[in-house]
Amino acid sequence: MSIHSRPIAERIDWLYDVARRYSAAYCDPEACMARERHRARHPTAIAVLKCMDGRINIPIATNTPPGIIQPFRNLGGFFDLG
């Protein structure tokens, strides 16, 4: 059964579980070292403008460790950077 057709309490528990697993993977010492190695090789700060709903997984799309690229989300599609 798809998560989308489950009762709301199960969906909430599922979402918390996904967040816990992501947090554990992000905080893993190997993940921290991967970010440090990447920053040592590429010492440039990177930001990306993305849609508010977050459908784009920037680390996967750019093949970078999570936490390297700072995403900025906007609702409405207008950015005032000045």
PDB file of N, CA and C in Angstrom:
ATOM      1  N   MET A   1       0.843  -1.187   0.000  1.00  0.00           N
ATOM      2  CA  MET A   1       0.000   0.000   0.000  1.00  0.00           C
ATOM      3  C   MET A   1       0.886   1.247   0.000  1.00  0.00           C
ATOM      4  N   SER A   2       0.594   2.189  -0.836  1.00  0.00           N
ATOM      5  CA  SER A   2       1.334   3.443  -0.935  1.00  0.00           C
ATOM      6  C   SER A   2       1.181   4.265   0.352  1.00  0.00           C
ATOM      7  N   ILE A   3       2.219   4.999   0.698  1.00  0.00           N
ATOM      8  CA  ILE A   3       2.156   5.851   1.890  1.00  0.00           C
ATOM      9  C   ILE A   3       1.039   6.884   1.761  1.00  0.00           C
ATOM     10  N   HIS A   4       0.730   7.280   0.546  1.00  0.00           N
ATOM     11  CA  HIS A   4      -0.290   8.311   0.323  1.00  0.00           C
ATOM     12  C   HIS A   4      -1.700   7.823   0.620  1.00  0.00           C
ATOM     13  N   SER A   5      -1.903   6.528   0.666  1.00  0.00           N
ATOM     14  CA  SER A   5      -3.238   6.000   0.940  1.00  0.00           C
ATOM     15  C   SER A   5      -3.370   5.485   2.377  1.00  0.00           C
ATOM     16  N   ARG A   6      -2.360   5.657   3.163  1.00  0.00           N
ATOM     17  CA  ARG A   6      -2.402   5.212   4.562  1.00  0.00           C
ATOM     18  C   ARG A   6      -3.078   6.271   5.438  1.00  0.00           C
ATOM     19  N   PRO A   7      -3.517   5.899   6.626  1.00  0.00           N
ATOM     20  CA  PRO A   7      -4.111   6.875   7.544  1.00  0.00           C
ATOM     21  C   PRO A   7      -3.111   7.977   7.895  1.00  0.00           C
ATOM     22  N   ILE A   8      -3.614   9.136   8.236  1.00  0.00           N
ATOM     23  CA  ILE A   8      -2.762  10.309   8.474  1.00  0.00           C
ATOM     24  C   ILE A   8      -1.745  10.062   9.578  1.00  0.00           C
ATOM     25  N   ALA A   9      -2.109   9.356  10.634  1.00  0.00           N
ATOM     26  CA  ALA A   9      -1.157   9.093  11.723  1.00  0.00           C
ATOM     27  C   ALA A   9       0.030   8.274  11.213  1.00  0.00           C
ATOM     28  N   GLU A  10      -0.216   7.300  10.354  1.00  0.00           N
ATOM     29  CA  GLU A  10       0.877   6.507   9.777  1.00  0.00           C
ATOM     30  C   GLU A  10       1.745   7.351   8.866  1.00  0.00           C
ATOM     31  N   ARG A  11       1.126   8.264   8.115  1.00  0.00           N
ATOM     32  CA  ARG A  11       1.908   9.139   7.227  1.00  0.00           C
ATOM     33  C   ARG A  11       2.807  10.065   8.030  1.00  0.00           C
ATOM     34  N   ILE A  12       2.286  10.571   9.145  1.00  0.00           N
ATOM     35  CA  ILE A  12       3.088  11.450  10.005  1.00  0.00           C
ATOM     36  C   ILE A  12       4.254  10.669  10.600  1.00  0.00           C
ATOM     37  N   ASP A  13       3.981   9.452  11.096  1.00  0.00           N
ATOM     38  CA  ASP A  13       5.058   8.615  11.633  1.00  0.00           C
ATOM     39  C   ASP A  13       6.097   8.313  10.561  1.00  0.00           C
ATOM     40  N   TRP A  14       5.645   8.027   9.339  1.00  0.00           N
ATOM     41  CA  TRP A  14       6.545   7.759   8.225  1.00  0.00           C
ATOM     42  C   TRP A  14       7.436   8.977   7.953  1.00  0.00           C
ATOM     43  N   LEU A  15       6.839  10.161   7.957  1.00  0.00           N
ATOM     44  CA  LEU A  15       7.588  11.383   7.696  1.00  0.00           C
ATOM     45  C   LEU A  15       8.642  11.630   8.777  1.00  0.00           C
ATOM     46  N   TYR A  16       8.270  11.419  10.043  1.00  0.00           N
ATOM     47  CA  TYR A  16       9.248  11.552  11.126  1.00  0.00           C
ATOM     48  C   TYR A  16      10.384  10.546  10.966  1.00  0.00           C
ATOM     49  N   ASP A  17      10.055   9.334  10.545  1.00  0.00           N
ATOM     50  CA  ASP A  17      11.076   8.320  10.337  1.00  0.00           C
ATOM     51  C   ASP A  17      12.034   8.722   9.215  1.00  0.00           C
ATOM     52  N   VAL A  18      11.498   9.253   8.133  1.00  0.00           N
ATOM     53  CA  VAL A  18      12.341   9.730   7.033  1.00  0.00           C
ATOM     54  C   VAL A  18      13.282  10.834   7.533  1.00  0.00           C
ATOM     55  N   ALA A  19      12.751  11.761   8.327  1.00  0.00           N
ATOM     56  CA  ALA A  19      13.572  12.860   8.860  1.00  0.00           C
ATOM     57  C   ALA A  19      14.657  12.324   9.798  1.00  0.00           C
ATOM     58  N   ARG A  20      14.321  11.350  10.640  1.00  0.00           N
ATOM     59  CA  ARG A  20      15.316  10.758  11.543  1.00  0.00           C
ATOM     60  C   ARG A  20      16.435  10.076  10.760  1.00  0.00           C
ATOM     61  N   ARG A  21      16.064   9.324   9.722  1.00  0.00           N
ATOM     62  CA  ARG A  21      17.082   8.635   8.918  1.00  0.00           C
ATOM     63  C   ARG A  21      17.967   9.635   8.178  1.00  0.00           C
ATOM     64  N   TYR A  22      17.366  10.699   7.644  1.00  0.00           N
ATOM     65  CA  TYR A  22      18.154  11.724   6.942  1.00  0.00           C
ATOM     66  C   TYR A  22      19.115  12.398   7.918  1.00  0.00           C
ATOM     67  N   SER A  23      18.614  12.726   9.111  1.00  0.00           N
ATOM     68  CA  SER A  23      19.454  13.375  10.114  1.00  0.00           C
ATOM     69  C   SER A  23      20.620  12.481  10.515  1.00  0.00           C
ATOM     70  N   ALA A  24      20.348  11.195  10.733  1.00  0.00           N
ATOM     71  CA  ALA A  24      21.412  10.261  11.111  1.00  0.00           C
ATOM     72  C   ALA A  24      22.458  10.156   9.999  1.00  0.00           C
ATOM     73  N   ALA A  25      22.003  10.097   8.760  1.00  0.00           N
ATOM     74  CA  ALA A  25      22.942  10.017   7.634  1.00  0.00           C
ATOM     75  C   ALA A  25      23.739  11.309   7.496  1.00  0.00           C
ATOM     76  N   TYR A  26      23.090  12.460   7.693  1.00  0.00           N
ATOM     77  CA  TYR A  26      23.758  13.756   7.567  1.00  0.00           C
ATOM     78  C   TYR A  26      24.819  13.925   8.659  1.00  0.00           C
ATOM     79  N   CYS A  27      24.519  13.462   9.870  1.00  0.00           N
ATOM     80  CA  CYS A  27      25.419  13.630  11.008  1.00  0.00           C
ATOM     81  C   CYS A  27      26.476  12.541  11.104  1.00  0.00           C
ATOM     82  N   ASP A  28      26.393  11.534  10.276  1.00  0.00           N
ATOM     83  CA  ASP A  28      27.358  10.444  10.286  1.00  0.00           C
ATOM     84  C   ASP A  28      28.771  10.993  10.062  1.00  0.00           C
ATOM     85  N   PRO A  29      29.753  10.525  10.809  1.00  0.00           N
ATOM     86  CA  PRO A  29      31.122  11.035  10.640  1.00  0.00           C
ATOM     87  C   PRO A  29      31.633  10.954   9.198  1.00  0.00           C
ATOM     88  N   GLU A  30      31.266   9.894   8.480  1.00  0.00           N
ATOM     89  CA  GLU A  30      31.712   9.782   7.082  1.00  0.00           C
ATOM     90  C   GLU A  30      31.094  10.883   6.227  1.00  0.00           C
ATOM     91  N   ALA A  31      29.834  11.230   6.485  1.00  0.00           N
ATOM     92  CA  ALA A  31      29.188  12.313   5.736  1.00  0.00           C
ATOM     93  C   ALA A  31      29.853  13.652   6.053  1.00  0.00           C
ATOM     94  N   CYS A  32      30.209  13.854   7.313  1.00  0.00           N
ATOM     95  CA  CYS A  32      30.910  15.095   7.685  1.00  0.00           C
ATOM     96  C   CYS A  32      32.258  15.185   6.973  1.00  0.00           C
ATOM     97  N   MET A  33      32.975  14.060   6.931  1.00  0.00           N
ATOM     98  CA  MET A  33      34.259  14.047   6.229  1.00  0.00           C
ATOM     99  C   MET A  33      34.079  14.280   4.732  1.00  0.00           C
ATOM    100  N   ALA A  34      33.016  13.739   4.153  1.00  0.00           N
ATOM    101  CA  ALA A  34      32.760  13.952   2.723  1.00  0.00           C
ATOM    102  C   ALA A  34      32.547  15.432   2.445  1.00  0.00           C
ATOM    103  N   ARG A  35      31.822  16.124   3.324  1.00  0.00           N
ATOM    104  CA  ARG A  35      31.623  17.566   3.130  1.00  0.00           C
ATOM    105  C   ARG A  35      32.943  18.321   3.278  1.00  0.00           C
ATOM    106  N   GLU A  36      33.727  17.952   4.281  1.00  0.00           N
ATOM    107  CA  GLU A  36      35.022  18.621   4.472  1.00  0.00           C
ATOM    108  C   GLU A  36      35.948  18.388   3.276  1.00  0.00           C
ATOM    109  N   ARG A  37      35.991  17.158   2.768  1.00  0.00           N
ATOM    110  CA  ARG A  37      36.825  16.876   1.585  1.00  0.00           C
ATOM    111  C   ARG A  37      36.348  17.678   0.385  1.00  0.00           C
ATOM    112  N   HIS A  38      35.040  17.740   0.190  1.00  0.00           N
ATOM    113  CA  HIS A  38      34.496  18.487  -0.948  1.00  0.00           C
ATOM    114  C   HIS A  38      34.835  19.965  -0.828  1.00  0.00           C
ATOM    115  N   ARG A  39      34.664  20.523   0.371  1.00  0.00           N
ATOM    116  CA  ARG A  39      34.982  21.950   0.564  1.00  0.00           C
ATOM    117  C   ARG A  39      36.468  22.223   0.388  1.00  0.00           C
ATOM    118  N   ALA A  40      37.324  21.266   0.758  1.00  0.00           N
ATOM    119  CA  ALA A  40      38.771  21.446   0.568  1.00  0.00           C
ATOM    120  C   ALA A  40      39.124  21.464  -0.917  1.00  0.00           C
ATOM    121  N   ARG A  41      38.456  20.609  -1.693  1.00  0.00           N
ATOM    122  CA  ARG A  41      38.708  20.570  -3.147  1.00  0.00           C
ATOM    123  C   ARG A  41      38.046  21.713  -3.885  1.00  0.00           C
ATOM    124  N   HIS A  42      36.905  22.174  -3.376  1.00  0.00           N
ATOM    125  CA  HIS A  42      36.112  23.215  -4.038  1.00  0.00           C
ATOM    126  C   HIS A  42      35.769  24.306  -3.020  1.00  0.00           C
ATOM    127  N   PRO A  43      36.691  25.238  -2.752  1.00  0.00           N
ATOM    128  CA  PRO A  43      36.481  26.226  -1.688  1.00  0.00           C
ATOM    129  C   PRO A  43      35.585  27.402  -2.093  1.00  0.00           C
ATOM    130  N   THR A  44      34.544  27.132  -2.808  1.00  0.00           N
ATOM    131  CA  THR A  44      33.622  28.179  -3.247  1.00  0.00           C
ATOM    132  C   THR A  44      32.264  27.957  -2.600  1.00  0.00           C
ATOM    133  N   ALA A  45      31.685  29.016  -2.055  1.00  0.00           N
ATOM    134  CA  ALA A  45      30.331  28.922  -1.507  1.00  0.00           C
ATOM    135  C   ALA A  45      29.340  28.919  -2.670  1.00  0.00           C
ATOM    136  N   ILE A  46      28.375  28.031  -2.606  1.00  0.00           N
ATOM    137  CA  ILE A  46      27.401  27.895  -3.687  1.00  0.00           C
ATOM    138  C   ILE A  46      26.001  28.035  -3.115  1.00  0.00           C
ATOM    139  N   ALA A  47      25.181  28.815  -3.778  1.00  0.00           N
ATOM    140  CA  ALA A  47      23.772  28.953  -3.417  1.00  0.00           C
ATOM    141  C   ALA A  47      22.942  28.618  -4.650  1.00  0.00           C
ATOM    142  N   VAL A  48      21.741  28.136  -4.422  1.00  0.00           N
ATOM    143  CA  VAL A  48      20.854  27.808  -5.532  1.00  0.00           C
ATOM    144  C   VAL A  48      19.457  28.318  -5.197  1.00  0.00           C
ATOM    145  N   LEU A  49      18.809  28.885  -6.195  1.00  0.00           N
ATOM    146  CA  LEU A  49      17.429  29.330  -6.048  1.00  0.00           C
ATOM    147  C   LEU A  49      16.539  28.205  -6.548  1.00  0.00           C
ATOM    148  N   LYS A  50      15.579  27.806  -5.736  1.00  0.00           N
ATOM    149  CA  LYS A  50      14.733  26.687  -6.130  1.00  0.00           C
ATOM    150  C   LYS A  50      13.286  26.966  -5.763  1.00  0.00           C
ATOM    151  N   CYS A  51      12.408  26.125  -6.275  1.00  0.00           N
ATOM    152  CA  CYS A  51      10.984  26.308  -6.025  1.00  0.00           C
ATOM    153  C   CYS A  51      10.656  26.021  -4.562  1.00  0.00           C
ATOM    154  N   MET A  52       9.575  26.573  -4.094  1.00  0.00           N
ATOM    155  CA  MET A  52       9.203  26.471  -2.697  1.00  0.00           C
ATOM    156  C   MET A  52       8.868  25.048  -2.274  1.00  0.00           C
ATOM    157  N   ASP A  53       8.320  24.253  -3.152  1.00  0.00           N
ATOM    158  CA  ASP A  53       7.881  22.918  -2.741  1.00  0.00           C
ATOM    159  C   ASP A  53       9.026  21.919  -2.631  1.00  0.00           C
ATOM    160  N   GLY A  54      10.209  22.279  -3.054  1.00  0.00           N
ATOM    161  CA  GLY A  54      11.386  21.468  -2.834  1.00  0.00           C
ATOM    162  C   GLY A  54      11.458  20.167  -3.618  1.00  0.00           C
ATOM    163  N   ARG A  55      10.867  20.102  -4.786  1.00  0.00           N
ATOM    164  CA  ARG A  55      10.920  18.867  -5.573  1.00  0.00           C
ATOM    165  C   ARG A  55      12.305  18.559  -6.092  1.00  0.00           C
ATOM    166  N   ILE A  56      13.156  19.554  -6.168  1.00  0.00           N
ATOM    167  CA  ILE A  56      14.507  19.343  -6.682  1.00  0.00           C
ATOM    168  C   ILE A  56      15.424  18.974  -5.517  1.00  0.00           C
ATOM    169  N   ASN A  57      16.021  17.797  -5.582  1.00  0.00           N
ATOM    170  CA  ASN A  57      16.981  17.377  -4.569  1.00  0.00           C
ATOM    171  C   ASN A  57      18.354  17.813  -5.069  1.00  0.00           C
ATOM    172  N   ILE A  58      18.793  18.973  -4.617  1.00  0.00           N
ATOM    173  CA  ILE A  58      20.009  19.605  -5.135  1.00  0.00           C
ATOM    174  C   ILE A  58      21.244  18.709  -4.982  1.00  0.00           C
ATOM    175  N   PRO A  59      21.498  18.076  -3.827  1.00  0.00           N
ATOM    176  CA  PRO A  59      22.688  17.220  -3.752  1.00  0.00           C
ATOM    177  C   PRO A  59      22.683  16.084  -4.783  1.00  0.00           C
ATOM    178  N   ILE A  60      21.535  15.501  -5.029  1.00  0.00           N
ATOM    179  CA  ILE A  60      21.474  14.434  -6.032  1.00  0.00           C
ATOM    180  C   ILE A  60      21.659  15.006  -7.432  1.00  0.00           C
ATOM    181  N   ALA A  61      21.018  16.138  -7.717  1.00  0.00           N
ATOM    182  CA  ALA A  61      21.109  16.737  -9.044  1.00  0.00           C
ATOM    183  C   ALA A  61      22.528  17.208  -9.369  1.00  0.00           C
ATOM    184  N   THR A  62      23.290  17.608  -8.348  1.00  0.00           N
ATOM    185  CA  THR A  62      24.636  18.143  -8.573  1.00  0.00           C
ATOM    186  C   THR A  62      25.749  17.183  -8.169  1.00  0.00           C
ATOM    187  N   ASN A  63      25.371  16.016  -7.644  1.00  0.00           N
ATOM    188  CA  ASN A  63      26.338  15.022  -7.189  1.00  0.00           C
ATOM    189  C   ASN A  63      27.290  15.602  -6.147  1.00  0.00           C
ATOM    190  N   THR A  64      26.727  16.321  -5.172  1.00  0.00           N
ATOM    191  CA  THR A  64      27.502  16.881  -4.069  1.00  0.00           C
ATOM    192  C   THR A  64      26.974  16.319  -2.754  1.00  0.00           C
ATOM    193  N   PRO A  65      27.812  16.271  -1.724  1.00  0.00           N
ATOM    194  CA  PRO A  65      27.325  15.807  -0.427  1.00  0.00           C
ATOM    195  C   PRO A  65      26.254  16.766   0.113  1.00  0.00           C
ATOM    196  N   PRO A  66      25.259  16.252   0.825  1.00  0.00           N
ATOM    197  CA  PRO A  66      24.251  17.141   1.428  1.00  0.00           C
ATOM    198  C   PRO A  66      24.930  18.157   2.348  1.00  0.00           C
ATOM    199  N   GLY A  67      24.486  19.406   2.264  1.00  0.00           N
ATOM    200  CA  GLY A  67      25.033  20.457   3.104  1.00  0.00           C
ATOM    201  C   GLY A  67      26.046  21.347   2.422  1.00  0.00           C
ATOM    202  N   ILE A  68      26.423  21.025   1.195  1.00  0.00           N
ATOM    203  CA  ILE A  68      27.406  21.833   0.472  1.00  0.00           C
ATOM    204  C   ILE A  68      26.742  23.052  -0.164  1.00  0.00           C
ATOM    205  N   ILE A  69      25.628  22.845  -0.807  1.00  0.00           N
ATOM    206  CA  ILE A  69      24.938  23.923  -1.520  1.00  0.00           C
ATOM    207  C   ILE A  69      23.784  24.443  -0.676  1.00  0.00           C
ATOM    208  N   GLN A  70      23.754  25.756  -0.479  1.00  0.00           N
ATOM    209  CA  GLN A  70      22.696  26.394   0.313  1.00  0.00           C
ATOM    210  C   GLN A  70      21.505  26.705  -0.583  1.00  0.00           C
ATOM    211  N   PRO A  71      20.370  26.022  -0.374  1.00  0.00           N
ATOM    212  CA  PRO A  71      19.196  26.326  -1.201  1.00  0.00           C
ATOM    213  C   PRO A  71      18.406  27.498  -0.623  1.00  0.00           C
ATOM    214  N   PHE A  72      17.906  28.327  -1.503  1.00  0.00           N
ATOM    215  CA  PHE A  72      17.001  29.411  -1.131  1.00  0.00           C
ATOM    216  C   PHE A  72      15.691  29.150  -1.848  1.00  0.00           C
ATOM    217  N   ARG A  73      14.633  29.022  -1.089  1.00  0.00           N
ATOM    218  CA  ARG A  73      13.320  28.744  -1.675  1.00  0.00           C
ATOM    219  C   ARG A  73      12.508  30.019  -1.722  1.00  0.00           C
ATOM    220  N   ASN A  74      11.685  30.104  -2.734  1.00  0.00           N
ATOM    221  CA  ASN A  74      10.854  31.287  -2.904  1.00  0.00           C
ATOM    222  C   ASN A  74       9.474  30.876  -3.381  1.00  0.00           C
ATOM    223  N   LEU A  75       8.474  31.503  -2.838  1.00  0.00           N
ATOM    224  CA  LEU A  75       7.110  31.278  -3.279  1.00  0.00           C
ATOM    225  C   LEU A  75       6.733  32.469  -4.143  1.00  0.00           C
ATOM    226  N   GLY A  76       6.482  32.235  -5.392  1.00  0.00           N
ATOM    227  CA  GLY A  76       6.092  33.323  -6.280  1.00  0.00           C
ATOM    228  C   GLY A  76       7.073  33.571  -7.395  1.00  0.00           C
ATOM    229  N   GLY A  77       8.294  33.062  -7.292  1.00  0.00           N
ATOM    230  CA  GLY A  77       9.233  33.143  -8.387  1.00  0.00           C
ATOM    231  C   GLY A  77       9.941  34.471  -8.553  1.00  0.00           C
ATOM    232  N   PHE A  78       9.966  35.343  -7.544  1.00  0.00           N
ATOM    233  CA  PHE A  78      10.656  36.621  -7.668  1.00  0.00           C
ATOM    234  C   PHE A  78      11.725  36.704  -6.583  1.00  0.00           C
ATOM    235  N   PHE A  79      12.957  36.952  -6.983  1.00  0.00           N
ATOM    236  CA  PHE A  79      14.064  37.091  -6.044  1.00  0.00           C
ATOM    237  C   PHE A  79      14.604  38.519  -6.152  1.00  0.00           C
ATOM    238  N   ASP A  80      14.749  39.191  -5.032  1.00  0.00           N
ATOM    239  CA  ASP A  80      15.351  40.509  -4.985  1.00  0.00           C
ATOM    240  C   ASP A  80      16.673  40.381  -4.274  1.00  0.00           C
ATOM    241  N   LEU A  81      17.744  40.237  -5.031  1.00  0.00           N
ATOM    242  CA  LEU A  81      19.059  40.009  -4.447  1.00  0.00           C
ATOM    243  C   LEU A  81      19.810  41.305  -4.172  1.00  0.00           C
ATOM    244  N   GLY A  82      19.200  42.428  -4.396  1.00  0.00           N
ATOM    245  CA  GLY A  82      19.907  43.683  -4.195  1.00  0.00           C
ATOM    246  C   GLY A  82      19.387  44.422  -3.094  1.00  0.00           C
TER     247      GLY A  82
END
